[in-house]
Full PDB file with SEQRES, HELIX, SHEET, SSBOND, CRYST1, ORIGX, SCALE, CONECT and MASTER records, all heavy atoms in Angstrom:
SEQRES   1 A   33  VAL GLU GLU VAL ARG GLU GLY GLY LEU ARG TYR LEU TYR          
SEQRES   2 A   33  ARG ARG GLY GLY PHE SER ARG GLY THR GLU VAL ARG ALA          
SEQRES   3 A   33  PHE ALA GLU GLY ALA GLU PRO                                  
SHEET    1 AA1 3 GLU A   2  ARG A   5  0                                        
SHEET    2 AA1 3 GLY A   8  ARG A  15 -1                                        
SHEET    3 AA1 3 PHE A  18  ARG A  25 -1                                        
CRYST1    1.000    1.000    1.000  90.00  90.00  90.00 P 1           1          
ORIGX1      1.000000  0.000000  0.000000        0.00000                         
ORIGX2      0.000000  1.000000  0.000000        0.00000                         
ORIGX3      0.000000  0.000000  1.000000        0.00000                         
SCALE1      1.000000  0.000000  0.000000        0.00000                         
SCALE2      0.000000  1.000000  0.000000        0.00000                         
SCALE3      0.000000  0.000000  1.000000        0.00000                         
ATOM      1  N   VAL A   1      -0.476  -2.457   9.934  1.00  0.00           N  
ATOM      2  CA  VAL A   1      -1.351  -3.362   9.185  1.00  0.00           C  
ATOM      3  C   VAL A   1      -0.979  -3.293   7.713  1.00  0.00           C  
ATOM      4  O   VAL A   1      -0.874  -2.205   7.142  1.00  0.00           O  
ATOM      5  CB  VAL A   1      -2.836  -2.982   9.376  1.00  0.00           C  
ATOM      6  CG1 VAL A   1      -3.729  -3.876   8.523  1.00  0.00           C  
ATOM      7  CG2 VAL A   1      -3.223  -3.066  10.844  1.00  0.00           C  
ATOM      8  N   GLU A   2      -0.780  -4.445   7.091  1.00  0.00           N  
ATOM      9  CA  GLU A   2      -0.466  -4.521   5.667  1.00  0.00           C  
ATOM     10  C   GLU A   2      -1.682  -5.011   4.898  1.00  0.00           C  
ATOM     11  O   GLU A   2      -2.299  -6.009   5.279  1.00  0.00           O  
ATOM     12  CB  GLU A   2       0.713  -5.468   5.427  1.00  0.00           C  
ATOM     13  CG  GLU A   2       1.102  -5.590   3.951  1.00  0.00           C  
ATOM     14  CD  GLU A   2       2.147  -6.671   3.713  1.00  0.00           C  
ATOM     15  OE1 GLU A   2       1.868  -7.848   4.041  1.00  0.00           O  
ATOM     16  OE2 GLU A   2       3.228  -6.343   3.202  1.00  0.00           O  
ATOM     17  N   GLU A   3      -2.025  -4.314   3.821  1.00  0.00           N  
ATOM     18  CA  GLU A   3      -3.123  -4.722   2.949  1.00  0.00           C  
ATOM     19  C   GLU A   3      -2.569  -4.982   1.553  1.00  0.00           C  
ATOM     20  O   GLU A   3      -1.905  -4.117   0.976  1.00  0.00           O  
ATOM     21  CB  GLU A   3      -4.189  -3.620   2.869  1.00  0.00           C  
ATOM     22  CG  GLU A   3      -4.851  -3.283   4.189  1.00  0.00           C  
ATOM     23  CD  GLU A   3      -5.834  -2.128   4.039  1.00  0.00           C  
ATOM     24  OE1 GLU A   3      -5.921  -1.551   2.929  1.00  0.00           O  
ATOM     25  OE2 GLU A   3      -6.507  -1.798   5.037  1.00  0.00           O  
ATOM     26  N   VAL A   4      -2.839  -6.176   1.014  1.00  0.00           N  
ATOM     27  CA  VAL A   4      -2.414  -6.507  -0.345  1.00  0.00           C  
ATOM     28  C   VAL A   4      -3.542  -6.134  -1.292  1.00  0.00           C  
ATOM     29  O   VAL A   4      -4.682  -6.577  -1.134  1.00  0.00           O  
ATOM     30  CB  VAL A   4      -2.074  -8.003  -0.477  1.00  0.00           C  
ATOM     31  CG1 VAL A   4      -1.677  -8.327  -1.915  1.00  0.00           C  
ATOM     32  CG2 VAL A   4      -0.960  -8.381   0.486  1.00  0.00           C  
ATOM     33  N   ARG A   5      -3.219  -5.317  -2.284  1.00  0.00           N  
ATOM     34  CA  ARG A   5      -4.203  -4.866  -3.257  1.00  0.00           C  
ATOM     35  C   ARG A   5      -3.723  -5.209  -4.662  1.00  0.00           C  
ATOM     36  O   ARG A   5      -2.560  -5.533  -4.866  1.00  0.00           O  
ATOM     37  CB  ARG A   5      -4.417  -3.356  -3.128  1.00  0.00           C  
ATOM     38  CG  ARG A   5      -4.933  -2.935  -1.756  1.00  0.00           C  
ATOM     39  CD  ARG A   5      -5.212  -1.454  -1.704  1.00  0.00           C  
ATOM     40  NE  ARG A   5      -5.921  -1.084  -0.495  1.00  0.00           N  
ATOM     41  CZ  ARG A   5      -6.454   0.104  -0.272  1.00  0.00           C  
ATOM     42  NH1 ARG A   5      -6.325   1.064  -1.195  1.00  0.00           N  
ATOM     43  NH2 ARG A   5      -7.100   0.371   0.844  1.00  0.00           N  
ATOM     44  N   GLU A   6      -4.628  -5.098  -5.620  1.00  0.00           N  
ATOM     45  CA  GLU A   6      -4.260  -5.393  -6.998  1.00  0.00           C  
ATOM     46  C   GLU A   6      -3.176  -4.423  -7.469  1.00  0.00           C  
ATOM     47  O   GLU A   6      -3.376  -3.224  -7.507  1.00  0.00           O  
ATOM     48  CB  GLU A   6      -5.486  -5.284  -7.903  1.00  0.00           C  
ATOM     49  CG  GLU A   6      -5.199  -5.682  -9.355  1.00  0.00           C  
ATOM     50  CD  GLU A   6      -6.443  -5.630 -10.219  1.00  0.00           C  
ATOM     51  OE1 GLU A   6      -7.545  -5.495  -9.656  1.00  0.00           O  
ATOM     52  OE2 GLU A   6      -6.304  -5.708 -11.447  1.00  0.00           O  
ATOM     53  N   GLY A   7      -2.003  -4.962  -7.756  1.00  0.00           N  
ATOM     54  CA  GLY A   7      -0.895  -4.149  -8.251  1.00  0.00           C  
ATOM     55  C   GLY A   7      -0.201  -3.323  -7.193  1.00  0.00           C  
ATOM     56  O   GLY A   7       0.619  -2.476  -7.526  1.00  0.00           O  
ATOM     57  N   GLY A   8      -0.516  -3.566  -5.902  1.00  0.00           N  
ATOM     58  CA  GLY A   8       0.127  -2.740  -4.897  1.00  0.00           C  
ATOM     59  C   GLY A   8      -0.087  -3.198  -3.472  1.00  0.00           C  
ATOM     60  O   GLY A   8      -0.740  -4.219  -3.202  1.00  0.00           O  
ATOM     61  N   LEU A   9       0.480  -2.427  -2.557  1.00  0.00           N  
ATOM     62  CA  LEU A   9       0.411  -2.702  -1.121  1.00  0.00           C  
ATOM     63  C   LEU A   9       0.065  -1.419  -0.382  1.00  0.00           C  
ATOM     64  O   LEU A   9       0.481  -0.321  -0.789  1.00  0.00           O  
ATOM     65  CB  LEU A   9       1.751  -3.224  -0.605  1.00  0.00           C  
ATOM     66  CG  LEU A   9       2.233  -4.562  -1.148  1.00  0.00           C  
ATOM     67  CD1 LEU A   9       3.729  -4.718  -0.909  1.00  0.00           C  
ATOM     68  CD2 LEU A   9       1.480  -5.707  -0.491  1.00  0.00           C  
ATOM     69  N   ARG A  10      -0.668  -1.572   0.729  1.00  0.00           N  
ATOM     70  CA  ARG A  10      -0.970  -0.419   1.575  1.00  0.00           C  
ATOM     71  C   ARG A  10      -0.652  -0.785   3.021  1.00  0.00           C  
ATOM     72  O   ARG A  10      -1.008  -1.868   3.496  1.00  0.00           O  
ATOM     73  CB  ARG A  10      -2.444  -0.021   1.450  1.00  0.00           C  
ATOM     74  CG  ARG A  10      -2.782   1.271   2.196  1.00  0.00           C  
ATOM     75  CD  ARG A  10      -4.218   1.670   1.952  1.00  0.00           C  
ATOM     76  NE  ARG A  10      -4.546   2.940   2.599  1.00  0.00           N  
ATOM     77  CZ  ARG A  10      -5.639   3.147   3.312  1.00  0.00           C  
ATOM     78  NH1 ARG A  10      -6.522   2.156   3.491  1.00  0.00           N  
ATOM     79  NH2 ARG A  10      -5.876   4.334   3.859  1.00  0.00           N  
ATOM     80  N   TYR A  11       0.034   0.150   3.698  1.00  0.00           N  
ATOM     81  CA  TYR A  11       0.412  -0.043   5.094  1.00  0.00           C  
ATOM     82  C   TYR A  11      -0.228   1.062   5.931  1.00  0.00           C  
ATOM     83  O   TYR A  11      -0.201   2.241   5.553  1.00  0.00           O  
ATOM     84  CB  TYR A  11       1.934   0.014   5.256  1.00  0.00           C  
ATOM     85  CG  TYR A  11       2.655  -1.091   4.524  1.00  0.00           C  
ATOM     86  CD1 TYR A  11       3.066  -0.906   3.203  1.00  0.00           C  
ATOM     87  CD2 TYR A  11       2.924  -2.302   5.146  1.00  0.00           C  
ATOM     88  CE1 TYR A  11       3.734  -1.917   2.526  1.00  0.00           C  
ATOM     89  CE2 TYR A  11       3.592  -3.322   4.470  1.00  0.00           C  
ATOM     90  CZ  TYR A  11       3.986  -3.116   3.164  1.00  0.00           C  
ATOM     91  OH  TYR A  11       4.643  -4.128   2.495  1.00  0.00           O  
ATOM     92  N   LEU A  12      -0.798   0.675   7.065  1.00  0.00           N  
ATOM     93  CA  LEU A  12      -1.450   1.622   7.959  1.00  0.00           C  
ATOM     94  C   LEU A  12      -0.892   1.470   9.364  1.00  0.00           C  
ATOM     95  O   LEU A  12      -0.620   0.346   9.816  1.00  0.00           O  
ATOM     96  CB  LEU A  12      -2.965   1.394   7.986  1.00  0.00           C  
ATOM     97  CG  LEU A  12      -3.706   1.567   6.650  1.00  0.00           C  
ATOM     98  CD1 LEU A  12      -5.153   1.121   6.788  1.00  0.00           C  
ATOM     99  CD2 LEU A  12      -3.633   3.022   6.197  1.00  0.00           C  
ATOM    100  N   TYR A  13      -0.740   2.615  10.050  1.00  0.00           N  
ATOM    101  CA  TYR A  13      -0.246   2.601  11.427  1.00  0.00           C  
ATOM    102  C   TYR A  13      -1.083   3.567  12.248  1.00  0.00           C  
ATOM    103  O   TYR A  13      -1.384   4.682  11.816  1.00  0.00           O  
ATOM    104  CB  TYR A  13       1.220   3.042  11.478  1.00  0.00           C  
ATOM    105  CG  TYR A  13       1.786   3.132  12.881  1.00  0.00           C  
ATOM    106  CD1 TYR A  13       2.197   1.984  13.562  1.00  0.00           C  
ATOM    107  CD2 TYR A  13       1.881   4.363  13.523  1.00  0.00           C  
ATOM    108  CE1 TYR A  13       2.709   2.059  14.847  1.00  0.00           C  
ATOM    109  CE2 TYR A  13       2.400   4.450  14.814  1.00  0.00           C  
ATOM    110  CZ  TYR A  13       2.805   3.302  15.473  1.00  0.00           C  
ATOM    111  OH  TYR A  13       3.292   3.380  16.754  1.00  0.00           O  
ATOM    112  N   ARG A  14      -1.459   3.140  13.444  1.00  0.00           N  
ATOM    113  CA  ARG A  14      -2.229   4.011  14.329  1.00  0.00           C  
ATOM    114  C   ARG A  14      -1.840   3.745  15.774  1.00  0.00           C  
ATOM    115  O   ARG A  14      -1.656   2.595  16.194  1.00  0.00           O  
ATOM    116  CB  ARG A  14      -3.728   3.778  14.161  1.00  0.00           C  
ATOM    117  CG  ARG A  14      -4.584   4.692  15.056  1.00  0.00           C  
ATOM    118  CD  ARG A  14      -6.060   4.458  14.825  1.00  0.00           C  
ATOM    119  NE  ARG A  14      -6.459   4.816  13.482  1.00  0.00           N  
ATOM    120  CZ  ARG A  14      -6.720   6.046  13.060  1.00  0.00           C  
ATOM    121  NH1 ARG A  14      -6.595   7.064  13.920  1.00  0.00           N  
ATOM    122  NH2 ARG A  14      -7.087   6.271  11.829  1.00  0.00           N  
ATOM    123  N   ARG A  15      -1.722   4.841  16.515  1.00  0.00           N  
ATOM    124  CA  ARG A  15      -1.563   4.787  17.964  1.00  0.00           C  
ATOM    125  C   ARG A  15      -2.317   5.973  18.536  1.00  0.00           C  
ATOM    126  O   ARG A  15      -1.898   7.120  18.363  1.00  0.00           O  
ATOM    127  CB  ARG A  15      -0.094   4.843  18.363  1.00  0.00           C  
ATOM    128  CG  ARG A  15       0.125   4.876  19.878  1.00  0.00           C  
ATOM    129  CD  ARG A  15       1.576   5.134  20.213  1.00  0.00           C  
ATOM    130  NE  ARG A  15       1.733   5.537  21.597  1.00  0.00           N  
ATOM    131  CZ  ARG A  15       2.818   6.138  22.094  1.00  0.00           C  
ATOM    132  NH1 ARG A  15       3.845   6.382  21.304  1.00  0.00           N  
ATOM    133  NH2 ARG A  15       2.861   6.488  23.369  1.00  0.00           N  
ATOM    134  N   GLY A  16      -3.428   5.722  19.156  1.00  0.00           N  
ATOM    135  CA  GLY A  16      -4.243   6.811  19.667  1.00  0.00           C  
ATOM    136  C   GLY A  16      -4.638   7.755  18.550  1.00  0.00           C  
ATOM    137  O   GLY A  16      -5.175   7.334  17.516  1.00  0.00           O  
ATOM    138  N   GLY A  17      -4.382   9.054  18.737  1.00  0.00           N  
ATOM    139  CA  GLY A  17      -4.736  10.039  17.722  1.00  0.00           C  
ATOM    140  C   GLY A  17      -3.693  10.224  16.644  1.00  0.00           C  
ATOM    141  O   GLY A  17      -3.849  11.075  15.771  1.00  0.00           O  
ATOM    142  N   PHE A  18      -2.617   9.432  16.679  1.00  0.00           N  
ATOM    143  CA  PHE A  18      -1.538   9.553  15.692  1.00  0.00           C  
ATOM    144  C   PHE A  18      -1.692   8.439  14.661  1.00  0.00           C  
ATOM    145  O   PHE A  18      -1.747   7.248  15.011  1.00  0.00           O  
ATOM    146  CB  PHE A  18      -0.180   9.429  16.381  1.00  0.00           C  
ATOM    147  CG  PHE A  18       0.997   9.586  15.450  1.00  0.00           C  
ATOM    148  CD1 PHE A  18       1.511  10.838  15.176  1.00  0.00           C  
ATOM    149  CD2 PHE A  18       1.572   8.476  14.851  1.00  0.00           C  
ATOM    150  CE1 PHE A  18       2.593  10.992  14.323  1.00  0.00           C  
ATOM    151  CE2 PHE A  18       2.652   8.612  13.989  1.00  0.00           C  
ATOM    152  CZ  PHE A  18       3.164   9.883  13.722  1.00  0.00           C  
ATOM    153  N   SER A  19      -1.760   8.802  13.373  1.00  0.00           N  
ATOM    154  CA  SER A  19      -1.879   7.782  12.331  1.00  0.00           C  
ATOM    155  C   SER A  19      -1.119   8.205  11.086  1.00  0.00           C  
ATOM    156  O   SER A  19      -1.058   9.386  10.748  1.00  0.00           O  
ATOM    157  CB  SER A  19      -3.349   7.524  11.987  1.00  0.00           C  
ATOM    158  OG  SER A  19      -3.934   8.660  11.377  1.00  0.00           O  
ATOM    159  N   ARG A  20      -0.543   7.217  10.427  1.00  0.00           N  
ATOM    160  CA  ARG A  20       0.168   7.419   9.158  1.00  0.00           C  
ATOM    161  C   ARG A  20      -0.148   6.240   8.229  1.00  0.00           C  
ATOM    162  O   ARG A  20      -0.514   5.148   8.701  1.00  0.00           O  
ATOM    163  CB  ARG A  20       1.679   7.505   9.366  1.00  0.00           C  
ATOM    164  CG  ARG A  20       2.159   8.708  10.182  1.00  0.00           C  
ATOM    165  CD  ARG A  20       2.007  10.023   9.436  1.00  0.00           C  
ATOM    166  NE  ARG A  20       2.523  11.151  10.206  1.00  0.00           N  
ATOM    167  CZ  ARG A  20       3.713  11.681  10.045  1.00  0.00           C  
ATOM    168  NH1 ARG A  20       4.546  11.171   9.159  1.00  0.00           N  
ATOM    169  NH2 ARG A  20       4.093  12.722  10.768  1.00  0.00           N  
ATOM    170  N   GLY A  21       0.032   6.458   6.932  1.00  0.00           N  
ATOM    171  CA  GLY A  21      -0.195   5.402   5.967  1.00  0.00           C  
ATOM    172  C   GLY A  21       0.717   5.530   4.764  1.00  0.00           C  
ATOM    173  O   GLY A  21       1.210   6.622   4.455  1.00  0.00           O  
ATOM    174  N   THR A  22       0.946   4.409   4.088  1.00  0.00           N  
ATOM    175  CA  THR A  22       1.788   4.376   2.884  1.00  0.00           C  
ATOM    176  C   THR A  22       1.165   3.418   1.874  1.00  0.00           C  
ATOM    177  O   THR A  22       0.800   2.288   2.229  1.00  0.00           O  
ATOM    178  CB  THR A  22       3.213   3.875   3.197  1.00  0.00           C  
ATOM    179  OG1 THR A  22       3.755   4.617   4.283  1.00  0.00           O  
ATOM    180  CG2 THR A  22       4.112   4.001   1.982  1.00  0.00           C  
ATOM    181  N   GLU A  23       1.031   3.861   0.637  1.00  0.00           N  
ATOM    182  CA  GLU A  23       0.523   2.995  -0.427  1.00  0.00           C  
ATOM    183  C   GLU A  23       1.552   2.931  -1.549  1.00  0.00           C  
ATOM    184  O   GLU A  23       2.026   3.963  -2.030  1.00  0.00           O  
ATOM    185  CB  GLU A  23      -0.811   3.506  -0.971  1.00  0.00           C  
ATOM    186  CG  GLU A  23      -1.410   2.563  -2.008  1.00  0.00           C  
ATOM    187  CD  GLU A  23      -2.807   2.979  -2.439  1.00  0.00           C  
ATOM    188  OE1 GLU A  23      -3.159   4.161  -2.262  1.00  0.00           O  
ATOM    189  OE2 GLU A  23      -3.543   2.122  -2.963  1.00  0.00           O  
ATOM    190  N   VAL A  24       1.903   1.694  -1.945  1.00  0.00           N  
ATOM    191  CA  VAL A  24       2.895   1.459  -2.994  1.00  0.00           C  
ATOM    192  C   VAL A  24       2.202   0.760  -4.150  1.00  0.00           C  
ATOM    193  O   VAL A  24       1.601  -0.311  -3.967  1.00  0.00           O  
ATOM    194  CB  VAL A  24       4.064   0.597  -2.482  1.00  0.00           C  
ATOM    195  CG1 VAL A  24       5.129   0.438  -3.564  1.00  0.00           C  
ATOM    196  CG2 VAL A  24       4.672   1.197  -1.223  1.00  0.00           C  
ATOM    197  N   ARG A  25       2.299   1.339  -5.349  1.00  0.00           N  
ATOM    198  CA  ARG A  25       1.681   0.740  -6.535  1.00  0.00           C  
ATOM    199  C   ARG A  25       2.702   0.683  -7.659  1.00  0.00           C  
ATOM    200  O   ARG A  25       3.552   1.578  -7.784  1.00  0.00           O  
ATOM    201  CB  ARG A  25       0.455   1.526  -6.984  1.00  0.00           C  
ATOM    202  CG  ARG A  25      -0.661   1.568  -5.946  1.00  0.00           C  
ATOM    203  CD  ARG A  25      -1.919   2.213  -6.507  1.00  0.00           C  
ATOM    204  NE  ARG A  25      -2.455   1.473  -7.632  1.00  0.00           N  
ATOM    205  CZ  ARG A  25      -3.216   0.379  -7.531  1.00  0.00           C  
ATOM    206  NH1 ARG A  25      -3.516  -0.100  -6.334  1.00  0.00           N  
ATOM    207  NH2 ARG A  25      -3.671  -0.238  -8.605  1.00  0.00           N  
ATOM    208  N   ALA A  26       2.616  -0.365  -8.476  1.00  0.00           N  
ATOM    209  CA  ALA A  26       3.552  -0.546  -9.588  1.00  0.00           C  
ATOM    210  C   ALA A  26       2.803  -0.620 -10.914  1.00  0.00           C  
ATOM    211  O   ALA A  26       1.658  -1.098 -10.976  1.00  0.00           O  
ATOM    212  CB  ALA A  26       4.371  -1.811  -9.385  1.00  0.00           C  
ATOM    213  N   PHE A  27       3.460  -0.142 -11.975  1.00  0.00           N  
ATOM    214  CA  PHE A  27       2.909  -0.161 -13.329  1.00  0.00           C  
ATOM    215  C   PHE A  27       4.052  -0.564 -14.261  1.00  0.00           C  
ATOM    216  O   PHE A  27       5.161  -0.043 -14.153  1.00  0.00           O  
ATOM    217  CB  PHE A  27       2.376   1.218 -13.715  1.00  0.00           C  
ATOM    218  CG  PHE A  27       1.489   1.843 -12.671  1.00  0.00           C  
ATOM    219  CD1 PHE A  27       2.047   2.604 -11.641  1.00  0.00           C  
ATOM    220  CD2 PHE A  27       0.122   1.659 -12.684  1.00  0.00           C  
ATOM    221  CE1 PHE A  27       1.249   3.180 -10.672  1.00  0.00           C  
ATOM    222  CE2 PHE A  27      -0.691   2.225 -11.713  1.00  0.00           C  
ATOM    223  CZ  PHE A  27      -0.128   2.984 -10.703  1.00  0.00           C  
ATOM    224  N   ALA A  28       3.780  -1.457 -15.208  1.00  0.00           N  
ATOM    225  CA  ALA A  28       4.848  -1.949 -16.080  1.00  0.00           C  
ATOM    226  C   ALA A  28       4.384  -2.019 -17.524  1.00  0.00           C  
ATOM    227  O   ALA A  28       3.215  -2.323 -17.799  1.00  0.00           O  
ATOM    228  CB  ALA A  28       5.316  -3.330 -15.621  1.00  0.00           C  
ATOM    229  N   GLU A  29       5.300  -1.742 -18.439  1.00  0.00           N  
ATOM    230  CA  GLU A  29       5.032  -1.884 -19.859  1.00  0.00           C  
ATOM    231  C   GLU A  29       5.077  -3.363 -20.240  1.00  0.00           C  
ATOM    232  O   GLU A  29       6.068  -4.045 -19.982  1.00  0.00           O  
ATOM    233  CB  GLU A  29       6.084  -1.133 -20.684  1.00  0.00           C  
ATOM    234  CG  GLU A  29       6.033   0.378 -20.554  1.00  0.00           C  
ATOM    235  CD  GLU A  29       7.122   1.054 -21.382  1.00  0.00           C  
ATOM    236  OE1 GLU A  29       8.071   0.353 -21.791  1.00  0.00           O  
ATOM    237  OE2 GLU A  29       7.000   2.266 -21.610  1.00  0.00           O  
ATOM    238  N   GLY A  30       4.010  -3.840 -20.808  1.00  0.00           N  
ATOM    239  CA  GLY A  30       4.003  -5.205 -21.313  1.00  0.00           C  
ATOM    240  C   GLY A  30       3.996  -6.275 -20.243  1.00  0.00           C  
ATOM    241  O   GLY A  30       4.346  -7.423 -20.524  1.00  0.00           O  
ATOM    242  N   ALA A  31       3.625  -5.929 -19.012  1.00  0.00           N  
ATOM    243  CA  ALA A  31       3.580  -6.923 -17.936  1.00  0.00           C  
ATOM    244  C   ALA A  31       2.587  -6.469 -16.885  1.00  0.00           C  
ATOM    245  O   ALA A  31       2.257  -5.281 -16.792  1.00  0.00           O  
ATOM    246  CB  ALA A  31       4.957  -7.114 -17.306  1.00  0.00           C  
ATOM    247  N   GLU A  32       2.106  -7.407 -16.086  1.00  0.00           N  
ATOM    248  CA  GLU A  32       1.146  -7.107 -15.035  1.00  0.00           C  
ATOM    249  C   GLU A  32       1.807  -7.311 -13.678  1.00  0.00           C  
ATOM    250  O   GLU A  32       2.103  -8.450 -13.293  1.00  0.00           O  
ATOM    251  CB  GLU A  32      -0.071  -8.027 -15.152  1.00  0.00           C  
ATOM    252  CG  GLU A  32      -1.226  -7.640 -14.243  1.00  0.00           C  
ATOM    253  CD  GLU A  32      -1.869  -6.325 -14.640  1.00  0.00           C  
ATOM    254  OE1 GLU A  32      -1.910  -6.006 -15.837  1.00  0.00           O  
ATOM    255  OE2 GLU A  32      -2.326  -5.608 -13.723  1.00  0.00           O  
ATOM    256  N   PRO A  33       2.076  -6.234 -12.934  1.00  0.00           N  
ATOM    257  CA  PRO A  33       2.684  -6.395 -11.609  1.00  0.00           C  
ATOM    258  C   PRO A  33       1.780  -7.195 -10.676  1.00  0.00           C  
ATOM    259  O   PRO A  33       0.552  -7.039 -10.696  1.00  0.00           O  
ATOM    260  CB  PRO A  33       2.836  -4.954 -11.115  1.00  0.00           C  
ATOM    261  CG  PRO A  33       2.813  -4.106 -12.342  1.00  0.00           C  
ATOM    262  CD  PRO A  33       1.887  -4.808 -13.283  1.00  0.00           C  
TER     263      PRO A  33                                                      
MASTER        0    0    0    0    3    0    0    6  262    1    0    3          
END                                                                             
């Protein structure tokens, strides 16, 4: 599952009792990601 968030993305995975997640966020000088 992909979730779009302000300035970033979050990915979630689940199968039964096994789950993992990843969150990617960006920050920039003088700009808004």
